[in-house]
Amino acid sequence: ATPVRAAALLLAVAAAPGCSHAVRKTHDEPVN
């Protein structure tokens, strides 16, 4: 259940339209 829950959350983020470039450049890049 642990990997399934984590995967479901990530998949919801991946499926969100138009989020790729904005999130990558603003929120995620320092962490990455």
Full PDB file with SEQRES, HELIX, SHEET, SSBOND, CRYST1, ORIGX, SCALE, CONECT and MASTER records, all heavy atoms in Angstrom:
SEQRES   1 A   32  ALA THR PRO VAL ARG ALA ALA ALA LEU LEU LEU ALA VAL          
SEQRES   2 A   32  ALA ALA ALA PRO GLY CYS SER HIS ALA VAL ARG LYS THR          
SEQRES   3 A   32  HIS ASP GLU PRO VAL ASN                                      
HELIX    1 AA1 THR A    2  ALA A   15  1                                  14    
HELIX    2 AA2 SER A   20  VAL A   23  1                                   4    
HELIX    3 AA3 ARG A   24  ASP A   28  3                                   5    
HELIX    4 AA4 GLU A   29  VAL A   31  1                                   3    
CRYST1    1.000    1.000    1.000  90.00  90.00  90.00 P 1           1          
ORIGX1      1.000000  0.000000  0.000000        0.00000                         
ORIGX2      0.000000  1.000000  0.000000        0.00000                         
ORIGX3      0.000000  0.000000  1.000000        0.00000                         
SCALE1      1.000000  0.000000  0.000000        0.00000                         
SCALE2      0.000000  1.000000  0.000000        0.00000                         
SCALE3      0.000000  0.000000  1.000000        0.00000                         
ATOM      1  N   ALA A   1       0.825  -1.203   0.000  1.00  0.00           N  
ATOM      2  CA  ALA A   1       0.000   0.000   0.000  1.00  0.00           C  
ATOM      3  C   ALA A   1       0.859   1.252   0.000  1.00  0.00           C  
ATOM      4  O   ALA A   1       0.463   2.295  -0.538  1.00  0.00           O  
ATOM      5  CB  ALA A   1      -0.912  -0.001   1.228  1.00  0.00           C  
ATOM      6  N   THR A   2       2.063   1.179   0.596  1.00  0.00           N  
ATOM      7  CA  THR A   2       2.918   2.360   0.679  1.00  0.00           C  
ATOM      8  C   THR A   2       3.349   2.866  -0.679  1.00  0.00           C  
ATOM      9  O   THR A   2       3.141   4.034  -1.004  1.00  0.00           O  
ATOM     10  CB  THR A   2       4.149   2.058   1.558  1.00  0.00           C  
ATOM     11  OG1 THR A   2       3.703   1.678   2.851  1.00  0.00           O  
ATOM     12  CG2 THR A   2       5.036   3.282   1.665  1.00  0.00           C  
ATOM     13  N   PRO A   3       3.976   2.034  -1.551  1.00  0.00           N  
ATOM     14  CA  PRO A   3       4.341   2.527  -2.873  1.00  0.00           C  
ATOM     15  C   PRO A   3       3.139   2.899  -3.719  1.00  0.00           C  
ATOM     16  O   PRO A   3       3.216   3.807  -4.550  1.00  0.00           O  
ATOM     17  CB  PRO A   3       5.128   1.356  -3.491  1.00  0.00           C  
ATOM     18  CG  PRO A   3       4.734   0.162  -2.712  1.00  0.00           C  
ATOM     19  CD  PRO A   3       4.450   0.657  -1.335  1.00  0.00           C  
ATOM     20  N   VAL A   4       2.002   2.229  -3.533  1.00  0.00           N  
ATOM     21  CA  VAL A   4       0.820   2.552  -4.325  1.00  0.00           C  
ATOM     22  C   VAL A   4       0.309   3.946  -3.980  1.00  0.00           C  
ATOM     23  O   VAL A   4      -0.047   4.740  -4.856  1.00  0.00           O  
ATOM     24  CB  VAL A   4      -0.283   1.500  -4.110  1.00  0.00           C  
ATOM     25  CG1 VAL A   4      -1.591   1.962  -4.731  1.00  0.00           C  
ATOM     26  CG2 VAL A   4       0.139   0.167  -4.712  1.00  0.00           C  
ATOM     27  N   ARG A   5       0.280   4.277  -2.661  1.00  0.00           N  
ATOM     28  CA  ARG A   5      -0.181   5.606  -2.262  1.00  0.00           C  
ATOM     29  C   ARG A   5       0.754   6.691  -2.793  1.00  0.00           C  
ATOM     30  O   ARG A   5       0.314   7.727  -3.299  1.00  0.00           O  
ATOM     31  CB  ARG A   5      -0.248   5.698  -0.732  1.00  0.00           C  
ATOM     32  CG  ARG A   5      -1.360   4.875  -0.097  1.00  0.00           C  
ATOM     33  CD  ARG A   5      -1.561   5.299   1.353  1.00  0.00           C  
ATOM     34  NE  ARG A   5      -2.382   4.323   2.059  1.00  0.00           N  
ATOM     35  CZ  ARG A   5      -1.911   3.396   2.869  1.00  0.00           C  
ATOM     36  NH1 ARG A   5      -0.608   3.298   3.065  1.00  0.00           N  
ATOM     37  NH2 ARG A   5      -2.723   2.560   3.494  1.00  0.00           N  
ATOM     38  N   ALA A   6       2.063   6.440  -2.657  1.00  0.00           N  
ATOM     39  CA  ALA A   6       3.026   7.415  -3.153  1.00  0.00           C  
ATOM     40  C   ALA A   6       2.903   7.584  -4.651  1.00  0.00           C  
ATOM     41  O   ALA A   6       2.969   8.705  -5.183  1.00  0.00           O  
ATOM     42  CB  ALA A   6       4.449   6.976  -2.787  1.00  0.00           C  
ATOM     43  N   ALA A   7       2.708   6.490  -5.373  1.00  0.00           N  
ATOM     44  CA  ALA A   7       2.577   6.556  -6.823  1.00  0.00           C  
ATOM     45  C   ALA A   7       1.318   7.303  -7.233  1.00  0.00           C  
ATOM     46  O   ALA A   7       1.324   8.083  -8.191  1.00  0.00           O  
ATOM     47  CB  ALA A   7       2.559   5.149  -7.408  1.00  0.00           C  
ATOM     48  N   ALA A   8       0.228   7.078  -6.497  1.00  0.00           N  
ATOM     49  CA  ALA A   8      -1.019   7.764  -6.826  1.00  0.00           C  
ATOM     50  C   ALA A   8      -0.864   9.265  -6.690  1.00  0.00           C  
ATOM     51  O   ALA A   8      -1.356  10.051  -7.518  1.00  0.00           O  
ATOM     52  CB  ALA A   8      -2.144   7.256  -5.915  1.00  0.00           C  
ATOM     53  N   LEU A   9      -0.156   9.720  -5.647  1.00  0.00           N  
ATOM     54  CA  LEU A   9       0.054  11.145  -5.450  1.00  0.00           C  
ATOM     55  C   LEU A   9       0.901  11.731  -6.565  1.00  0.00           C  
ATOM     56  O   LEU A   9       0.592  12.778  -7.137  1.00  0.00           O  
ATOM     57  CB  LEU A   9       0.735  11.376  -4.098  1.00  0.00           C  
ATOM     58  CG  LEU A   9       1.069  12.823  -3.746  1.00  0.00           C  
ATOM     59  CD1 LEU A   9      -0.198  13.664  -3.699  1.00  0.00           C  
ATOM     60  CD2 LEU A   9       1.796  12.889  -2.405  1.00  0.00           C  
ATOM     61  N   LEU A  10       1.998  11.041  -6.917  1.00  0.00           N  
ATOM     62  CA  LEU A  10       2.868  11.525  -7.985  1.00  0.00           C  
ATOM     63  C   LEU A  10       2.151  11.530  -9.322  1.00  0.00           C  
ATOM     64  O   LEU A  10       2.338  12.431 -10.142  1.00  0.00           O  
ATOM     65  CB  LEU A  10       4.133  10.661  -8.070  1.00  0.00           C  
ATOM     66  CG  LEU A  10       5.177  10.921  -6.977  1.00  0.00           C  
ATOM     67  CD1 LEU A  10       6.240   9.835  -7.020  1.00  0.00           C  
ATOM     68  CD2 LEU A  10       5.800  12.286  -7.150  1.00  0.00           C  
ATOM     69  N   LEU A  11       1.327  10.507  -9.562  1.00  0.00           N  
ATOM     70  CA  LEU A  11       0.615  10.423 -10.826  1.00  0.00           C  
ATOM     71  C   LEU A  11      -0.383  11.561 -10.959  1.00  0.00           C  
ATOM     72  O   LEU A  11      -0.570  12.107 -12.046  1.00  0.00           O  
ATOM     73  CB  LEU A  11      -0.114   9.081 -10.933  1.00  0.00           C  
ATOM     74  CG  LEU A  11      -0.676   8.728 -12.314  1.00  0.00           C  
ATOM     75  CD1 LEU A  11       0.431   8.709 -13.341  1.00  0.00           C  
ATOM     76  CD2 LEU A  11      -1.380   7.395 -12.275  1.00  0.00           C  
ATOM     77  N   ALA A  12      -1.003  11.943  -9.870  1.00  0.00           N  
ATOM     78  CA  ALA A  12      -1.928  13.077  -9.914  1.00  0.00           C  
ATOM     79  C   ALA A  12      -1.200  14.353 -10.292  1.00  0.00           C  
ATOM     80  O   ALA A  12      -1.702  15.186 -11.058  1.00  0.00           O  
ATOM     81  CB  ALA A  12      -2.606  13.239  -8.552  1.00  0.00           C  
ATOM     82  N   VAL A  13       0.014  14.527  -9.769  1.00  0.00           N  
ATOM     83  CA  VAL A  13       0.815  15.695 -10.126  1.00  0.00           C  
ATOM     84  C   VAL A  13       1.212  15.653 -11.592  1.00  0.00           C  
ATOM     85  O   VAL A  13       1.145  16.640 -12.318  1.00  0.00           O  
ATOM     86  CB  VAL A  13       2.079  15.765  -9.243  1.00  0.00           C  
ATOM     87  CG1 VAL A  13       2.998  16.871  -9.712  1.00  0.00           C  
ATOM     88  CG2 VAL A  13       1.676  15.991  -7.787  1.00  0.00           C  
ATOM     89  N   ALA A  14       1.630  14.461 -12.064  1.00  0.00           N  
ATOM     90  CA  ALA A  14       2.071  14.329 -13.455  1.00  0.00           C  
ATOM     91  C   ALA A  14       0.940  14.586 -14.419  1.00  0.00           C  
ATOM     92  O   ALA A  14       1.146  15.122 -15.510  1.00  0.00           O  
ATOM     93  CB  ALA A  14       2.650  12.928 -13.679  1.00  0.00           C  
ATOM     94  N   ALA A  15      -0.279  14.191 -14.054  1.00  0.00           N  
ATOM     95  CA  ALA A  15      -1.412  14.327 -14.963  1.00  0.00           C  
ATOM     96  C   ALA A  15      -1.974  15.735 -14.997  1.00  0.00           C  
ATOM     97  O   ALA A  15      -2.749  16.072 -15.886  1.00  0.00           O  
ATOM     98  CB  ALA A  15      -2.521  13.355 -14.551  1.00  0.00           C  
ATOM     99  N   ALA A  16      -1.592  16.569 -14.031  1.00  0.00           N  
ATOM    100  CA  ALA A  16      -2.130  17.930 -13.998  1.00  0.00           C  
ATOM    101  C   ALA A  16      -1.674  18.697 -15.223  1.00  0.00           C  
ATOM    102  O   ALA A  16      -0.481  18.808 -15.486  1.00  0.00           O  
ATOM    103  CB  ALA A  16      -1.654  18.643 -12.735  1.00  0.00           C  
ATOM    104  N   PRO A  17      -2.584  19.247 -16.024  1.00  0.00           N  
ATOM    105  CA  PRO A  17      -2.202  19.921 -17.263  1.00  0.00           C  
ATOM    106  C   PRO A  17      -1.447  21.202 -16.998  1.00  0.00           C  
ATOM    107  O   PRO A  17      -1.758  21.968 -16.098  1.00  0.00           O  
ATOM    108  CB  PRO A  17      -3.570  20.211 -17.922  1.00  0.00           C  
ATOM    109  CG  PRO A  17      -4.536  20.268 -16.790  1.00  0.00           C  
ATOM    110  CD  PRO A  17      -4.038  19.286 -15.780  1.00  0.00           C  
ATOM    111  N   GLY A  18      -0.416  21.411 -17.826  1.00  0.00           N  
ATOM    112  CA  GLY A  18       0.302  22.674 -17.839  1.00  0.00           C  
ATOM    113  C   GLY A  18       1.186  22.926 -16.640  1.00  0.00           C  
ATOM    114  O   GLY A  18       1.670  24.031 -16.454  1.00  0.00           O  
ATOM    115  N   CYS A  19       1.415  21.913 -15.774  1.00  0.00           N  
ATOM    116  CA  CYS A  19       2.179  22.184 -14.556  1.00  0.00           C  
ATOM    117  C   CYS A  19       3.671  21.976 -14.757  1.00  0.00           C  
ATOM    118  O   CYS A  19       4.455  22.421 -13.938  1.00  0.00           O  
ATOM    119  CB  CYS A  19       1.701  21.281 -13.416  1.00  0.00           C  
ATOM    120  SG  CYS A  19       2.110  19.537 -13.640  1.00  0.00           S  
ATOM    121  N   SER A  20       4.062  21.315 -15.832  1.00  0.00           N  
ATOM    122  CA  SER A  20       5.439  20.858 -15.943  1.00  0.00           C  
ATOM    123  C   SER A  20       6.448  21.986 -15.853  1.00  0.00           C  
ATOM    124  O   SER A  20       7.283  22.034 -14.980  1.00  0.00           O  
ATOM    125  CB  SER A  20       5.618  20.082 -17.246  1.00  0.00           C  
ATOM    126  OG  SER A  20       6.961  19.737 -17.431  1.00  0.00           O  
ATOM    127  N   HIS A  21       6.369  22.963 -16.750  1.00  0.00           N  
ATOM    128  CA  HIS A  21       7.405  23.979 -16.825  1.00  0.00           C  
ATOM    129  C   HIS A  21       7.334  24.928 -15.639  1.00  0.00           C  
ATOM    130  O   HIS A  21       8.351  25.301 -15.069  1.00  0.00           O  
ATOM    131  CB  HIS A  21       7.282  24.747 -18.135  1.00  0.00           C  
ATOM    132  CG  HIS A  21       7.473  23.873 -19.344  1.00  0.00           C  
ATOM    133  ND1 HIS A  21       8.691  23.320 -19.651  1.00  0.00           N  
ATOM    134  CD2 HIS A  21       6.605  23.451 -20.295  1.00  0.00           C  
ATOM    135  CE1 HIS A  21       8.581  22.596 -20.761  1.00  0.00           C  
ATOM    136  NE2 HIS A  21       7.320  22.660 -21.151  1.00  0.00           N  
ATOM    137  N   ALA A  22       6.107  25.309 -15.236  1.00  0.00           N  
ATOM    138  CA  ALA A  22       5.979  26.268 -14.152  1.00  0.00           C  
ATOM    139  C   ALA A  22       6.539  25.714 -12.849  1.00  0.00           C  
ATOM    140  O   ALA A  22       7.294  26.373 -12.145  1.00  0.00           O  
ATOM    141  CB  ALA A  22       4.507  26.661 -13.969  1.00  0.00           C  
ATOM    142  N   VAL A  23       6.180  24.483 -12.513  1.00  0.00           N  
ATOM    143  CA  VAL A  23       6.652  23.903 -11.263  1.00  0.00           C  
ATOM    144  C   VAL A  23       8.148  23.677 -11.303  1.00  0.00           C  
ATOM    145  O   VAL A  23       8.861  23.959 -10.357  1.00  0.00           O  
ATOM    146  CB  VAL A  23       5.905  22.584 -10.979  1.00  0.00           C  
ATOM    147  CG1 VAL A  23       6.474  21.910  -9.739  1.00  0.00           C  
ATOM    148  CG2 VAL A  23       4.418  22.844 -10.812  1.00  0.00           C  
ATOM    149  N   ARG A  24       8.640  23.199 -12.425  1.00  0.00           N  
ATOM    150  CA  ARG A  24      10.058  22.881 -12.525  1.00  0.00           C  
ATOM    151  C   ARG A  24      10.913  24.123 -12.326  1.00  0.00           C  
ATOM    152  O   ARG A  24      11.936  24.099 -11.682  1.00  0.00           O  
ATOM    153  CB  ARG A  24      10.357  22.249 -13.884  1.00  0.00           C  
ATOM    154  CG  ARG A  24      11.815  21.809 -14.045  1.00  0.00           C  
ATOM    155  CD  ARG A  24      12.084  21.249 -15.413  1.00  0.00           C  
ATOM    156  NE  ARG A  24      12.044  22.293 -16.421  1.00  0.00           N  
ATOM    157  CZ  ARG A  24      12.105  22.048 -17.721  1.00  0.00           C  
ATOM    158  NH1 ARG A  24      12.158  20.817 -18.162  1.00  0.00           N  
ATOM    159  NH2 ARG A  24      12.076  23.037 -18.588  1.00  0.00           N  
ATOM    160  N   LYS A  25      10.465  25.249 -12.868  1.00  0.00           N  
ATOM    161  CA  LYS A  25      11.296  26.439 -12.862  1.00  0.00           C  
ATOM    162  C   LYS A  25      11.150  27.242 -11.571  1.00  0.00           C  
ATOM    163  O   LYS A  25      12.028  28.023 -11.239  1.00  0.00           O  
ATOM    164  CB  LYS A  25      10.940  27.323 -14.057  1.00  0.00           C  
ATOM    165  CG  LYS A  25      11.344  26.718 -15.393  1.00  0.00           C  
ATOM    166  CD  LYS A  25      11.020  27.645 -16.539  1.00  0.00           C  
ATOM    167  CE  LYS A  25      11.447  27.047 -17.881  1.00  0.00           C  
ATOM    168  NZ  LYS A  25      11.123  27.932 -19.008  1.00  0.00           N  
ATOM    169  N   THR A  26      10.046  27.111 -10.861  1.00  0.00           N  
ATOM    170  CA  THR A  26       9.829  27.948  -9.692  1.00  0.00           C  
ATOM    171  C   THR A  26       9.995  27.185  -8.383  1.00  0.00           C  
ATOM    172  O   THR A  26      10.859  27.491  -7.583  1.00  0.00           O  
ATOM    173  CB  THR A  26       8.422  28.572  -9.744  1.00  0.00           C  
ATOM    174  OG1 THR A  26       7.443  27.529  -9.831  1.00  0.00           O  
ATOM    175  CG2 THR A  26       8.281  29.485 -10.951  1.00  0.00           C  
ATOM    176  N   HIS A  27       9.191  26.158  -8.162  1.00  0.00           N  
ATOM    177  CA  HIS A  27       9.164  25.489  -6.877  1.00  0.00           C  
ATOM    178  C   HIS A  27      10.172  24.351  -6.765  1.00  0.00           C  
ATOM    179  O   HIS A  27      10.840  24.212  -5.744  1.00  0.00           O  
ATOM    180  CB  HIS A  27       7.755  24.955  -6.594  1.00  0.00           C  
ATOM    181  CG  HIS A  27       6.705  26.027  -6.589  1.00  0.00           C  
ATOM    182  ND1 HIS A  27       6.696  27.057  -5.679  1.00  0.00           N  
ATOM    183  CD2 HIS A  27       5.638  26.234  -7.403  1.00  0.00           C  
ATOM    184  CE1 HIS A  27       5.660  27.851  -5.914  1.00  0.00           C  
ATOM    185  NE2 HIS A  27       5.015  27.377  -6.961  1.00  0.00           N  
ATOM    186  N   ASP A  28      10.270  23.528  -7.764  1.00  0.00           N  
ATOM    187  CA  ASP A  28      11.036  22.296  -7.637  1.00  0.00           C  
ATOM    188  C   ASP A  28      12.518  22.457  -7.913  1.00  0.00           C  
ATOM    189  O   ASP A  28      13.318  21.669  -7.414  1.00  0.00           O  
ATOM    190  CB  ASP A  28      10.479  21.223  -8.583  1.00  0.00           C  
ATOM    191  CG  ASP A  28       9.180  20.631  -8.053  1.00  0.00           C  
ATOM    192  OD1 ASP A  28       8.799  21.021  -6.946  1.00  0.00           O  
ATOM    193  OD2 ASP A  28       8.577  19.803  -8.739  1.00  0.00           O  
ATOM    194  N   GLU A  29      12.916  23.445  -8.696  1.00  0.00           N  
ATOM    195  CA  GLU A  29      14.301  23.494  -9.133  1.00  0.00           C  
ATOM    196  C   GLU A  29      15.301  23.611  -7.987  1.00  0.00           C  
ATOM    197  O   GLU A  29      16.329  22.921  -8.003  1.00  0.00           O  
ATOM    198  CB  GLU A  29      14.518  24.626 -10.140  1.00  0.00           C  
ATOM    199  CG  GLU A  29      15.918  24.607 -10.723  1.00  0.00           C  
ATOM    200  CD  GLU A  29      16.023  25.362 -12.022  1.00  0.00           C  
ATOM    201  OE1 GLU A  29      15.065  25.353 -12.811  1.00  0.00           O  
ATOM    202  OE2 GLU A  29      17.081  25.970 -12.236  1.00  0.00           O  
ATOM    203  N   PRO A  30      15.082  24.442  -6.955  1.00  0.00           N  
ATOM    204  CA  PRO A  30      16.059  24.471  -5.848  1.00  0.00           C  
ATOM    205  C   PRO A  30      16.226  23.108  -5.181  1.00  0.00           C  
ATOM    206  O   PRO A  30      17.347  22.701  -4.852  1.00  0.00           O  
ATOM    207  CB  PRO A  30      15.464  25.507  -4.884  1.00  0.00           C  
ATOM    208  CG  PRO A  30      14.624  26.384  -5.751  1.00  0.00           C  
ATOM    209  CD  PRO A  30      14.037  25.469  -6.790  1.00  0.00           C  
ATOM    210  N   VAL A  31      15.114  22.402  -4.969  1.00  0.00           N  
ATOM    211  CA  VAL A  31      15.193  21.070  -4.360  1.00  0.00           C  
ATOM    212  C   VAL A  31      15.916  20.114  -5.294  1.00  0.00           C  
ATOM    213  O   VAL A  31      16.784  19.338  -4.875  1.00  0.00           O  
ATOM    214  CB  VAL A  31      13.783  20.541  -4.036  1.00  0.00           C  
ATOM    215  CG1 VAL A  31      13.856  19.109  -3.512  1.00  0.00           C  
ATOM    216  CG2 VAL A  31      13.087  21.440  -3.031  1.00  0.00           C  
ATOM    217  N   ASN A  32      15.556  20.155  -6.579  1.00  0.00           N  
ATOM    218  CA  ASN A  32      16.201  19.272  -7.552  1.00  0.00           C  
ATOM    219  C   ASN A  32      17.706  19.515  -7.614  1.00  0.00           C  
ATOM    220  O   ASN A  32      18.503  18.570  -7.710  1.00  0.00           O  
ATOM    221  CB  ASN A  32      15.587  19.471  -8.937  1.00  0.00           C  
ATOM    222  CG  ASN A  32      14.217  18.849  -9.053  1.00  0.00           C  
ATOM    223  OD1 ASN A  32      13.876  17.928  -8.316  1.00  0.00           O  
ATOM    224  ND2 ASN A  32      13.410  19.349  -9.975  1.00  0.00           N  
TER     225      ASN A  32                                                      
MASTER        0    0    0    4    0    0    0    6  224    1    0    3          
END                                                                             
